[in-house]
PDB file of N, CA and C in Angstrom:
ATOM      1  N   ARG A   1      -4.783  16.741  15.188  1.00  0.00           N
ATOM      2  CA  ARG A   1      -4.668  16.766  16.631  1.00  0.00           C
ATOM      3  C   ARG A   1      -3.603  17.757  17.084  1.00  0.00           C
ATOM      4  N   PHE A   2      -2.467  17.819  16.383  1.00  0.00           N
ATOM      5  CA  PHE A   2      -1.374  18.715  16.758  1.00  0.00           C
ATOM      6  C   PHE A   2      -1.265  19.851  15.751  1.00  0.00           C
ATOM      7  N   LYS A   3      -1.004  21.059  16.240  1.00  0.00           N
ATOM      8  CA  LYS A   3      -0.834  22.215  15.349  1.00  0.00           C
ATOM      9  C   LYS A   3       0.532  22.212  14.688  1.00  0.00           C
ATOM     10  N   ASN A   4       1.542  21.818  15.432  1.00  0.00           N
ATOM     11  CA  ASN A   4       2.915  21.813  14.921  1.00  0.00           C
ATOM     12  C   ASN A   4       3.509  20.425  15.063  1.00  0.00           C
ATOM     13  N   LEU A   5       4.109  19.938  13.990  1.00  0.00           N
ATOM     14  CA  LEU A   5       4.831  18.673  14.021  1.00  0.00           C
ATOM     15  C   LEU A   5       6.282  18.964  13.680  1.00  0.00           C
ATOM     16  N   VAL A   6       7.169  18.482  14.512  1.00  0.00           N
ATOM     17  CA  VAL A   6       8.596  18.651  14.264  1.00  0.00           C
ATOM     18  C   VAL A   6       9.202  17.264  14.182  1.00  0.00           C
ATOM     19  N   LEU A   7       9.852  16.976  13.074  1.00  0.00           N
ATOM     20  CA  LEU A   7      10.506  15.696  12.895  1.00  0.00           C
ATOM     21  C   LEU A   7      12.007  15.942  12.940  1.00  0.00           C
ATOM     22  N   VAL A   8      12.662  15.350  13.915  1.00  0.00           N
ATOM     23  CA  VAL A   8      14.114  15.462  14.031  1.00  0.00           C
ATOM     24  C   VAL A   8      14.693  14.171  13.472  1.00  0.00           C
ATOM     25  N   HIS A   9      15.402  14.290  12.371  1.00  0.00           N
ATOM     26  CA  HIS A   9      16.009  13.136  11.701  1.00  0.00           C
ATOM     27  C   HIS A   9      17.496  13.177  12.016  1.00  0.00           C
ATOM     28  N   ALA A  10      17.979  12.182  12.758  1.00  0.00           N
ATOM     29  CA  ALA A  10      19.368  12.191  13.214  1.00  0.00           C
ATOM     30  C   ALA A  10      20.128  10.968  12.719  1.00  0.00           C
ATOM     31  N   ALA A  11      21.411  11.182  12.482  1.00  0.00           N
ATOM     32  CA  ALA A  11      22.308  10.108  12.062  1.00  0.00           C
ATOM     33  C   ALA A  11      23.733  10.508  12.436  1.00  0.00           C
ATOM     34  N   ARG A  12      24.627   9.567  12.333  1.00  0.00           N
ATOM     35  CA  ARG A  12      26.032   9.887  12.630  1.00  0.00           C
ATOM     36  C   ARG A  12      26.608  10.833  11.585  1.00  0.00           C
ATOM     37  N   TYR A  13      26.328  10.552  10.317  1.00  0.00           N
ATOM     38  CA  TYR A  13      26.884  11.339   9.212  1.00  0.00           C
ATOM     39  C   TYR A  13      25.751  11.801   8.295  1.00  0.00           C
ATOM     40  N   ALA A  14      25.943  12.929   7.636  1.00  0.00           N
ATOM     41  CA  ALA A  14      24.922  13.481   6.741  1.00  0.00           C
ATOM     42  C   ALA A  14      24.538  12.479   5.646  1.00  0.00           C
ATOM     43  N   ALA A  15      25.492  11.707   5.165  1.00  0.00           N
ATOM     44  CA  ALA A  15      25.211  10.717   4.118  1.00  0.00           C
ATOM     45  C   ALA A  15      24.242   9.634   4.597  1.00  0.00           C
ATOM     46  N   ASP A  16      24.107   9.491   5.914  1.00  0.00           N
ATOM     47  CA  ASP A  16      23.215   8.480   6.477  1.00  0.00           C
ATOM     48  C   ASP A  16      21.790   8.986   6.710  1.00  0.00           C
ATOM     49  N   LEU A  17      21.515  10.224   6.359  1.00  0.00           N
ATOM     50  CA  LEU A  17      20.161  10.777   6.510  1.00  0.00           C
ATOM     51  C   LEU A  17      19.307  10.286   5.334  1.00  0.00           C
ATOM     52  N   SER A  18      19.134   8.985   5.260  1.00  0.00           N
ATOM     53  CA  SER A  18      18.551   8.337   4.085  1.00  0.00           C
ATOM     54  C   SER A  18      17.087   8.676   3.827  1.00  0.00           C
ATOM     55  N   TYR A  19      16.342   9.043   4.837  1.00  0.00           N
ATOM     56  CA  TYR A  19      14.930   9.364   4.641  1.00  0.00           C
ATOM     57  C   TYR A  19      14.697  10.845   4.371  1.00  0.00           C
ATOM     58  N   LEU A  20      15.754  11.634   4.303  1.00  0.00           N
ATOM     59  CA  LEU A  20      15.602  13.078   4.156  1.00  0.00           C
ATOM     60  C   LEU A  20      14.816  13.490   2.906  1.00  0.00           C
ATOM     61  N   PRO A  21      15.061  12.923   1.721  1.00  0.00           N
ATOM     62  CA  PRO A  21      14.272  13.333   0.548  1.00  0.00           C
ATOM     63  C   PRO A  21      12.762  13.123   0.747  1.00  0.00           C
ATOM     64  N   LEU A  22      12.373  12.001   1.311  1.00  0.00           N
ATOM     65  CA  LEU A  22      10.959  11.736   1.582  1.00  0.00           C
ATOM     66  C   LEU A  22      10.422  12.739   2.603  1.00  0.00           C
ATOM     67  N   MET A  23      11.191  12.993   3.632  1.00  0.00           N
ATOM     68  CA  MET A  23      10.753  13.936   4.669  1.00  0.00           C
ATOM     69  C   MET A  23      10.602  15.350   4.120  1.00  0.00           C
ATOM     70  N   GLN A  24      11.502  15.746   3.233  1.00  0.00           N
ATOM     71  CA  GLN A  24      11.406  17.080   2.630  1.00  0.00           C
ATOM     72  C   GLN A  24      10.166  17.190   1.745  1.00  0.00           C
ATOM     73  N   GLU A  25       9.810  16.095   1.086  1.00  0.00           N
ATOM     74  CA  GLU A  25       8.578  16.049   0.289  1.00  0.00           C
ATOM     75  C   GLU A  25       7.356  16.247   1.189  1.00  0.00           C
ATOM     76  N   LEU A  26       7.352  15.559   2.314  1.00  0.00           N
ATOM     77  CA  LEU A  26       6.250  15.694   3.269  1.00  0.00           C
ATOM     78  C   LEU A  26       6.201  17.096   3.873  1.00  0.00           C
ATOM     79  N   GLU A  27       7.362  17.683   4.099  1.00  0.00           N
ATOM     80  CA  GLU A  27       7.425  19.039   4.650  1.00  0.00           C
ATOM     81  C   GLU A  27       6.779  20.034   3.681  1.00  0.00           C
ATOM     82  N   LYS A  28       7.015  19.844   2.379  1.00  0.00           N
ATOM     83  CA  LYS A  28       6.387  20.711   1.374  1.00  0.00           C
ATOM     84  C   LYS A  28       4.877  20.488   1.342  1.00  0.00           C
ATOM     85  N   ARG A  29       4.470  19.232   1.401  1.00  0.00           N
ATOM     86  CA  ARG A  29       3.050  18.894   1.343  1.00  0.00           C
ATOM     87  C   ARG A  29       2.291  19.472   2.540  1.00  0.00           C
ATOM     88  N   TYR A  30       2.910  19.442   3.698  1.00  0.00           N
ATOM     89  CA  TYR A  30       2.268  19.937   4.922  1.00  0.00           C
ATOM     90  C   TYR A  30       2.906  21.245   5.376  1.00  0.00           C
ATOM     91  N   GLU A  31       3.153  22.116   4.414  1.00  0.00           N
ATOM     92  CA  GLU A  31       3.814  23.393   4.671  1.00  0.00           C
ATOM     93  C   GLU A  31       3.133  24.156   5.811  1.00  0.00           C
ATOM     94  N   GLY A  32       3.945  24.625   6.726  1.00  0.00           N
ATOM     95  CA  GLY A  32       3.426  25.379   7.859  1.00  0.00           C
ATOM     96  C   GLY A  32       3.048  24.517   9.050  1.00  0.00           C
ATOM     97  N   LYS A  33       2.884  23.218   8.824  1.00  0.00           N
ATOM     98  CA  LYS A  33       2.516  22.318   9.921  1.00  0.00           C
ATOM     99  C   LYS A  33       3.666  21.383  10.296  1.00  0.00           C
ATOM    100  N   LEU A  34       4.436  20.942   9.314  1.00  0.00           N
ATOM    101  CA  LEU A  34       5.533  20.007   9.550  1.00  0.00           C
ATOM    102  C   LEU A  34       6.868  20.701   9.321  1.00  0.00           C
ATOM    103  N   ARG A  35       7.761  20.544  10.273  1.00  0.00           N
ATOM    104  CA  ARG A  35       9.131  21.061  10.145  1.00  0.00           C
ATOM    105  C   ARG A  35      10.105  19.909  10.323  1.00  0.00           C
ATOM    106  N   ILE A  36      11.139  19.921   9.507  1.00  0.00           N
ATOM    107  CA  ILE A  36      12.175  18.893   9.578  1.00  0.00           C
ATOM    108  C   ILE A  36      13.452  19.541  10.092  1.00  0.00           C
ATOM    109  N   GLN A  37      14.065  18.915  11.092  1.00  0.00           N
ATOM    110  CA  GLN A  37      15.367  19.374  11.582  1.00  0.00           C
ATOM    111  C   GLN A  37      16.306  18.179  11.566  1.00  0.00           C
ATOM    112  N   THR A  38      17.407  18.302  10.848  1.00  0.00           N
ATOM    113  CA  THR A  38      18.381  17.216  10.815  1.00  0.00           C
ATOM    114  C   THR A  38      19.458  17.450  11.872  1.00  0.00           C
ATOM    115  N   VAL A  39      20.006  16.327  12.338  1.00  0.00           N
ATOM    116  CA  VAL A  39      21.078  16.340  13.334  1.00  0.00           C
ATOM    117  C   VAL A  39      22.096  15.292  12.915  1.00  0.00           C
ATOM    118  N   VAL A  40      23.357  15.660  12.918  1.00  0.00           N
ATOM    119  CA  VAL A  40      24.430  14.685  12.703  1.00  0.00           C
ATOM    120  C   VAL A  40      25.359  14.749  13.915  1.00  0.00           C
ATOM    121  N   SER A  41      25.839  13.593  14.334  1.00  0.00           N
ATOM    122  CA  SER A  41      26.626  13.563  15.568  1.00  0.00           C
ATOM    123  C   SER A  41      28.130  13.477  15.365  1.00  0.00           C
ATOM    124  N   ARG A  42      28.577  13.101  14.181  1.00  0.00           N
ATOM    125  CA  ARG A  42      30.014  12.873  14.015  1.00  0.00           C
ATOM    126  C   ARG A  42      30.700  13.802  13.027  1.00  0.00           C
ATOM    127  N   GLU A  43      29.962  14.776  12.492  1.00  0.00           N
ATOM    128  CA  GLU A  43      30.557  15.742  11.569  1.00  0.00           C
ATOM    129  C   GLU A  43      29.695  16.996  11.554  1.00  0.00           C
ATOM    130  N   THR A  44      30.181  18.014  10.903  1.00  0.00           N
ATOM    131  CA  THR A  44      29.413  19.240  10.713  1.00  0.00           C
ATOM    132  C   THR A  44      28.835  19.206   9.309  1.00  0.00           C
ATOM    133  N   ALA A  45      27.552  19.499   9.185  1.00  0.00           N
ATOM    134  CA  ALA A  45      26.902  19.489   7.872  1.00  0.00           C
ATOM    135  C   ALA A  45      25.993  20.705   7.760  1.00  0.00           C
ATOM    136  N   ALA A  46      26.006  21.328   6.605  1.00  0.00           N
ATOM    137  CA  ALA A  46      25.183  22.516   6.361  1.00  0.00           C
ATOM    138  C   ALA A  46      23.713  22.218   6.635  1.00  0.00           C
ATOM    139  N   GLY A  47      23.063  23.086   7.386  1.00  0.00           N
ATOM    140  CA  GLY A  47      21.643  22.945   7.663  1.00  0.00           C
ATOM    141  C   GLY A  47      21.299  21.984   8.782  1.00  0.00           C
ATOM    142  N   SER A  48      22.295  21.291   9.308  1.00  0.00           N
ATOM    143  CA  SER A  48      22.061  20.323  10.382  1.00  0.00           C
ATOM    144  C   SER A  48      22.656  20.822  11.690  1.00  0.00           C
ATOM    145  N   LEU A  49      22.028  20.425  12.778  1.00  0.00           N
ATOM    146  CA  LEU A  49      22.640  20.632  14.083  1.00  0.00           C
ATOM    147  C   LEU A  49      23.683  19.541  14.268  1.00  0.00           C
ATOM    148  N   THR A  50      24.664  19.800  15.098  1.00  0.00           N
ATOM    149  CA  THR A  50      25.720  18.820  15.335  1.00  0.00           C
ATOM    150  C   THR A  50      25.720  18.422  16.801  1.00  0.00           C
ATOM    151  N   GLY A  51      25.694  17.121  17.062  1.00  0.00           N
ATOM    152  CA  GLY A  51      25.756  16.625  18.431  1.00  0.00           C
ATOM    153  C   GLY A  51      24.735  15.536  18.667  1.00  0.00           C
ATOM    154  N   ARG A  52      24.641  15.136  19.928  1.00  0.00           N
ATOM    155  CA  ARG A  52      23.657  14.126  20.322  1.00  0.00           C
ATOM    156  C   ARG A  52      22.350  14.817  20.715  1.00  0.00           C
ATOM    157  N   ILE A  53      21.246  14.191  20.433  1.00  0.00           N
ATOM    158  CA  ILE A  53      19.938  14.788  20.704  1.00  0.00           C
ATOM    159  C   ILE A  53      19.770  15.198  22.171  1.00  0.00           C
ATOM    160  N   PRO A  54      20.110  14.342  23.144  1.00  0.00           N
ATOM    161  CA  PRO A  54      19.945  14.790  24.530  1.00  0.00           C
ATOM    162  C   PRO A  54      20.742  16.065  24.842  1.00  0.00           C
ATOM    163  N   ALA A  55      21.948  16.163  24.332  1.00  0.00           N
ATOM    164  CA  ALA A  55      22.771  17.359  24.574  1.00  0.00           C
ATOM    165  C   ALA A  55      22.169  18.588  23.904  1.00  0.00           C
ATOM    166  N   LEU A  56      21.599  18.420  22.722  1.00  0.00           N
ATOM    167  CA  LEU A  56      20.979  19.542  22.010  1.00  0.00           C
ATOM    168  C   LEU A  56      19.701  20.011  22.707  1.00  0.00           C
ATOM    169  N   ILE A  57      19.006  19.097  23.351  1.00  0.00           N
ATOM    170  CA  ILE A  57      17.833  19.483  24.144  1.00  0.00           C
ATOM    171  C   ILE A  57      18.291  20.203  25.404  1.00  0.00           C
ATOM    172  N   GLU A  58      19.267  19.620  26.077  1.00  0.00           N
ATOM    173  CA  GLU A  58      19.748  20.193  27.340  1.00  0.00           C
ATOM    174  C   GLU A  58      20.294  21.606  27.165  1.00  0.00           C
ATOM    175  N   SER A  59      20.990  21.847  26.061  1.00  0.00           N
ATOM    176  CA  SER A  59      21.577  23.170  25.814  1.00  0.00           C
ATOM    177  C   SER A  59      20.550  24.188  25.312  1.00  0.00           C
ATOM    178  N   GLY A  60      19.388  23.705  24.865  1.00  0.00           N
ATOM    179  CA  GLY A  60      18.378  24.594  24.297  1.00  0.00           C
ATOM    180  C   GLY A  60      18.564  24.825  22.806  1.00  0.00           C
ATOM    181  N   GLU A  61      19.615  24.249  22.242  1.00  0.00           N
ATOM    182  CA  GLU A  61      19.922  24.449  20.826  1.00  0.00           C
ATOM    183  C   GLU A  61      18.839  23.879  19.904  1.00  0.00           C
ATOM    184  N   LEU A  62      18.287  22.730  20.253  1.00  0.00           N
ATOM    185  CA  LEU A  62      17.245  22.130  19.409  1.00  0.00           C
ATOM    186  C   LEU A  62      15.992  23.007  19.394  1.00  0.00           C
ATOM    187  N   GLU A  63      15.547  23.435  20.554  1.00  0.00           N
ATOM    188  CA  GLU A  63      14.357  24.297  20.618  1.00  0.00           C
ATOM    189  C   GLU A  63      14.590  25.612  19.889  1.00  0.00           C
ATOM    190  N   SER A  64      15.781  26.154  20.014  1.00  0.00           N
ATOM    191  CA  SER A  64      16.113  27.404  19.329  1.00  0.00           C
ATOM    192  C   SER A  64      16.043  27.225  17.813  1.00  0.00           C
ATOM    193  N   ALA A  65      16.563  26.102  17.322  1.00  0.00           N
ATOM    194  CA  ALA A  65      16.576  25.842  15.880  1.00  0.00           C
ATOM    195  C   ALA A  65      15.164  25.671  15.320  1.00  0.00           C
ATOM    196  N   ILE A  66      14.287  25.015  16.076  1.00  0.00           N
ATOM    197  CA  ILE A  66      12.935  24.774  15.563  1.00  0.00           C
ATOM    198  C   ILE A  66      11.965  25.902  15.911  1.00  0.00           C
ATOM    199  N   GLY A  67      12.340  26.717  16.867  1.00  0.00           N
ATOM    200  CA  GLY A  67      11.505  27.867  17.216  1.00  0.00           C
ATOM    201  C   GLY A  67      10.272  27.536  18.033  1.00  0.00           C
ATOM    202  N   LEU A  68      10.296  26.402  18.716  1.00  0.00           N
ATOM    203  CA  LEU A  68       9.175  26.000  19.567  1.00  0.00           C
ATOM    204  C   LEU A  68       9.708  25.480  20.897  1.00  0.00           C
ATOM    205  N   PRO A  69       8.981  25.758  21.981  1.00  0.00           N
ATOM    206  CA  PRO A  69       9.397  25.208  23.268  1.00  0.00           C
ATOM    207  C   PRO A  69       9.018  23.730  23.365  1.00  0.00           C
ATOM    208  N   MET A  70       9.742  22.998  24.183  1.00  0.00           N
ATOM    209  CA  MET A  70       9.431  21.597  24.434  1.00  0.00           C
ATOM    210  C   MET A  70       9.095  21.495  25.921  1.00  0.00           C
ATOM    211  N   ASN A  71       7.807  21.398  26.215  1.00  0.00           N
ATOM    212  CA  ASN A  71       7.401  21.322  27.614  1.00  0.00           C
ATOM    213  C   ASN A  71       6.186  20.419  27.758  1.00  0.00           C
ATOM    214  N   LYS A  72       5.899  20.027  28.990  1.00  0.00           N
ATOM    215  CA  LYS A  72       4.812  19.070  29.213  1.00  0.00           C
ATOM    216  C   LYS A  72       3.427  19.657  28.961  1.00  0.00           C
ATOM    217  N   GLU A  73       3.314  20.967  28.980  1.00  0.00           N
ATOM    218  CA  GLU A  73       2.015  21.592  28.752  1.00  0.00           C
ATOM    219  C   GLU A  73       1.595  21.567  27.280  1.00  0.00           C
ATOM    220  N   THR A  74       2.566  21.652  26.370  1.00  0.00           N
ATOM    221  CA  THR A  74       2.210  21.787  24.951  1.00  0.00           C
ATOM    222  C   THR A  74       2.840  20.748  24.030  1.00  0.00           C
ATOM    223  N   SER A  75       3.626  19.826  24.578  1.00  0.00           N
ATOM    224  CA  SER A  75       4.397  18.920  23.716  1.00  0.00           C
ATOM    225  C   SER A  75       4.105  17.454  23.991  1.00  0.00           C
ATOM    226  N   HIS A  76       4.195  16.670  22.926  1.00  0.00           N
ATOM    227  CA  HIS A  76       4.237  15.215  23.040  1.00  0.00           C
ATOM    228  C   HIS A  76       5.435  14.776  22.206  1.00  0.00           C
ATOM    229  N   VAL A  77       6.379  14.113  22.838  1.00  0.00           N
ATOM    230  CA  VAL A  77       7.625  13.720  22.186  1.00  0.00           C
ATOM    231  C   VAL A  77       7.550  12.244  21.832  1.00  0.00           C
ATOM    232  N   MET A  78       7.803  11.938  20.560  1.00  0.00           N
ATOM    233  CA  MET A  78       7.844  10.550  20.108  1.00  0.00           C
ATOM    234  C   MET A  78       9.289  10.239  19.744  1.00  0.00           C
ATOM    235  N   LEU A  79       9.859   9.253  20.404  1.00  0.00           N
ATOM    236  CA  LEU A  79      11.259   8.895  20.196  1.00  0.00           C
ATOM    237  C   LEU A  79      11.346   7.534  19.529  1.00  0.00           C
ATOM    238  N   CYS A  80      12.171   7.448  18.503  1.00  0.00           N
ATOM    239  CA  CYS A  80      12.389   6.182  17.816  1.00  0.00           C
ATOM    240  C   CYS A  80      13.832   6.159  17.367  1.00  0.00           C
ATOM    241  N   GLY A  81      14.528   5.077  17.645  1.00  0.00           N
ATOM    242  CA  GLY A  81      15.904   4.982  17.178  1.00  0.00           C
ATOM    243  C   GLY A  81      16.782   4.202  18.124  1.00  0.00           C
ATOM    244  N   ASN A  82      18.040   4.580  18.131  1.00  0.00           N
ATOM    245  CA  ASN A  82      19.052   3.953  18.962  1.00  0.00           C
ATOM    246  C   ASN A  82      18.538   3.853  20.402  1.00  0.00           C
ATOM    247  N   PRO A  83      18.509   2.651  20.967  1.00  0.00           N
ATOM    248  CA  PRO A  83      17.966   2.483  22.315  1.00  0.00           C
ATOM    249  C   PRO A  83      18.632   3.372  23.366  1.00  0.00           C
ATOM    250  N   GLN A  84      19.933   3.592  23.256  1.00  0.00           N
ATOM    251  CA  GLN A  84      20.609   4.450  24.236  1.00  0.00           C
ATOM    252  C   GLN A  84      20.155   5.902  24.101  1.00  0.00           C
ATOM    253  N   MET A  85      19.987   6.377  22.866  1.00  0.00           N
ATOM    254  CA  MET A  85      19.491   7.735  22.650  1.00  0.00           C
ATOM    255  C   MET A  85      18.088   7.874  23.223  1.00  0.00           C
ATOM    256  N   VAL A  86      17.246   6.869  22.991  1.00  0.00           N
ATOM    257  CA  VAL A  86      15.877   6.901  23.500  1.00  0.00           C
ATOM    258  C   VAL A  86      15.891   6.968  25.024  1.00  0.00           C
ATOM    259  N   ARG A  87      16.670   6.101  25.666  1.00  0.00           N
ATOM    260  CA  ARG A  87      16.737   6.095  27.136  1.00  0.00           C
ATOM    261  C   ARG A  87      17.285   7.409  27.679  1.00  0.00           C
ATOM    262  N   ASP A  88      18.375   7.898  27.084  1.00  0.00           N
ATOM    263  CA  ASP A  88      18.988   9.148  27.552  1.00  0.00           C
ATOM    264  C   ASP A  88      18.033  10.330  27.402  1.00  0.00           C
ATOM    265  N   THR A  89      17.325  10.381  26.286  1.00  0.00           N
ATOM    266  CA  THR A  89      16.400  11.491  26.043  1.00  0.00           C
ATOM    267  C   THR A  89      15.203  11.409  26.983  1.00  0.00           C
ATOM    268  N   GLN A  90      14.668  10.210  27.180  1.00  0.00           N
ATOM    269  CA  GLN A  90      13.555  10.049  28.121  1.00  0.00           C
ATOM    270  C   GLN A  90      13.966  10.496  29.521  1.00  0.00           C
ATOM    271  N   GLN A  91      15.141  10.071  29.953  1.00  0.00           N
ATOM    272  CA  GLN A  91      15.625  10.428  31.291  1.00  0.00           C
ATOM    273  C   GLN A  91      15.788  11.940  31.427  1.00  0.00           C
ATOM    274  N   LEU A  92      16.369  12.566  30.416  1.00  0.00           N
ATOM    275  CA  LEU A  92      16.560  14.014  30.441  1.00  0.00           C
ATOM    276  C   LEU A  92      15.220  14.745  30.511  1.00  0.00           C
ATOM    277  N   LEU A  93      14.267  14.341  29.679  1.00  0.00           N
ATOM    278  CA  LEU A  93      12.959  15.002  29.670  1.00  0.00           C
ATOM    279  C   LEU A  93      12.201  14.770  30.975  1.00  0.00           C
ATOM    280  N   LYS A  94      12.379  13.605  31.562  1.00  0.00           N
ATOM    281  CA  LYS A  94      11.751  13.311  32.849  1.00  0.00           C
ATOM    282  C   LYS A  94      12.341  14.208  33.940  1.00  0.00           C
ATOM    283  N   GLU A  95      13.669  14.307  33.973  1.00  0.00           N
ATOM    284  CA  GLU A  95      14.343  15.060  35.032  1.00  0.00           C
ATOM    285  C   GLU A  95      14.225  16.572  34.871  1.00  0.00           C
ATOM    286  N   THR A  96      14.313  17.061  33.648  1.00  0.00           N
ATOM    287  CA  THR A  96      14.372  18.514  33.446  1.00  0.00           C
ATOM    288  C   THR A  96      13.050  19.145  33.029  1.00  0.00           C
ATOM    289  N   ARG A  97      12.137  18.349  32.465  1.00  0.00           N
ATOM    290  CA  ARG A  97      10.862  18.900  31.978  1.00  0.00           C
ATOM    291  C   ARG A  97       9.661  18.258  32.662  1.00  0.00           C
ATOM    292  N   GLN A  98       9.915  17.332  33.573  1.00  0.00           N
ATOM    293  CA  GLN A  98       8.861  16.607  34.293  1.00  0.00           C
ATOM    294  C   GLN A  98       7.890  15.906  33.338  1.00  0.00           C
ATOM    295  N   MET A  99       8.411  15.439  32.211  1.00  0.00           N
ATOM    296  CA  MET A  99       7.590  14.695  31.258  1.00  0.00           C
ATOM    297  C   MET A  99       7.528  13.233  31.692  1.00  0.00           C
ATOM    298  N   THR A 100       6.395  12.593  31.422  1.00  0.00           N
ATOM    299  CA  THR A 100       6.204  11.198  31.791  1.00  0.00           C
ATOM    300  C   THR A 100       5.902  10.369  30.546  1.00  0.00           C
ATOM    301  N   LYS A 101       6.117   9.057  30.669  1.00  0.00           N
ATOM    302  CA  LYS A 101       5.808   8.152  29.561  1.00  0.00           C
ATOM    303  C   LYS A 101       4.303   8.103  29.342  1.00  0.00           C
ATOM    304  N   HIS A 102       3.922   8.049  28.080  1.00  0.00           N
ATOM    305  CA  HIS A 102       2.511   7.920  27.714  1.00  0.00           C
ATOM    306  C   HIS A 102       2.143   6.440  27.758  1.00  0.00           C
ATOM    307  N   LEU A 103       1.125   6.116  28.530  1.00  0.00           N
ATOM    308  CA  LEU A 103       0.635   4.746  28.634  1.00  0.00           C
ATOM    309  C   LEU A 103      -0.863   4.744  28.346  1.00  0.00           C
ATOM    310  N   ARG A 104      -1.403   3.624  27.922  1.00  0.00           N
ATOM    311  CA  ARG A 104      -2.846   3.548  27.643  1.00  0.00           C
ATOM    312  C   ARG A 104      -3.674   3.929  28.864  1.00  0.00           C
ATOM    313  N   ARG A 105      -3.228   3.483  30.005  1.00  0.00           N
ATOM    314  CA  ARG A 105      -3.998   3.734  31.226  1.00  0.00           C
ATOM    315  C   ARG A 105      -3.677   5.078  31.878  1.00  0.00           C
ATOM    316  N   ARG A 106      -2.580   5.713  31.419  1.00  0.00           N
ATOM    317  CA  ARG A 106      -2.193   6.993  32.000  1.00  0.00           C
ATOM    318  C   ARG A 106      -1.523   7.860  30.932  1.00  0.00           C
ATOM    319  N   PRO A 107      -2.236   8.845  30.412  1.00  0.00           N
ATOM    320  CA  PRO A 107      -1.650   9.717  29.389  1.00  0.00           C
ATOM    321  C   PRO A 107      -0.388  10.411  29.902  1.00  0.00           C
ATOM    322  N   GLY A 108       0.571  10.547  29.012  1.00  0.00           N
ATOM    323  CA  GLY A 108       1.821  11.215  29.357  1.00  0.00           C
ATOM    324  C   GLY A 108       2.304  12.073  28.207  1.00  0.00           C
ATOM    325  N   HIS A 109       3.594  12.355  28.205  1.00  0.00           N
ATOM    326  CA  HIS A 109       4.177  13.302  27.258  1.00  0.00           C
ATOM    327  C   HIS A 109       5.190  12.673  26.308  1.00  0.00           C
ATOM    328  N   MET A 110       5.532  11.392  26.525  1.00  0.00           N
ATOM    329  CA  MET A 110       6.560  10.738  25.706  1.00  0.00           C
ATOM    330  C   MET A 110       6.091   9.361  25.257  1.00  0.00           C
ATOM    331  N   THR A 111       6.308   9.082  23.985  1.00  0.00           N
ATOM    332  CA  THR A 111       6.073   7.759  23.422  1.00  0.00           C
ATOM    333  C   THR A 111       7.398   7.314  22.824  1.00  0.00           C
ATOM    334  N   ALA A 112       7.762   6.048  23.017  1.00  0.00           N
ATOM    335  CA  ALA A 112       9.078   5.610  22.546  1.00  0.00           C
ATOM    336  C   ALA A 112       9.026   4.241  21.890  1.00  0.00           C
ATOM    337  N   GLU A 113       9.939   4.065  20.946  1.00  0.00           N
ATOM    338  CA  GLU A 113      10.130   2.789  20.268  1.00  0.00           C
ATOM    339  C   GLU A 113      11.627   2.635  20.050  1.00  0.00           C
ATOM    340  N   HIS A 114      12.148   1.486  20.453  1.00  0.00           N
ATOM    341  CA  HIS A 114      13.573   1.220  20.232  1.00  0.00           C
ATOM    342  C   HIS A 114      13.716   0.583  18.856  1.00  0.00           C
ATOM    343  N   TYR A 115      14.568   1.149  18.045  1.00  0.00           N
ATOM    344  CA  TYR A 115      14.775   0.639  16.688  1.00  0.00           C
ATOM    345  C   TYR A 115      16.268   0.537  16.465  1.00  0.00           C
ATOM    346  N   TRP A 116      16.721  -0.630  16.142  1.00  0.00           N
ATOM    347  CA  TRP A 116      18.162  -0.782  15.951  1.00  0.00           C
ATOM    348  C   TRP A 116      18.480  -1.853  14.983  1.00  0.00           C
TER     349      TRP A 116
END
């Protein structure tokens, strides 16, 4: 269904990126279709962006790192994780990109799950 899949795996510290080995395996298997971008919020780590996801979207740093635009015409964003991050990111995408929640009765651009 999608030509490009970008998985942003975020944690406070690089040591907490526990699913990274599995994700890197999947990235190799789906070479050219799946890209993995790691983010850590409390330290600097090689190969990872540093900061909170909403701030990295707002600054354009996340899109620059992955090399793809994030817009309502070509993107569907799936958010899973810390409830505050999910809420903040949804609000930012709604306000700055005019993205809406995806519902069964009304297709949109964002799907979310709170996981904590």
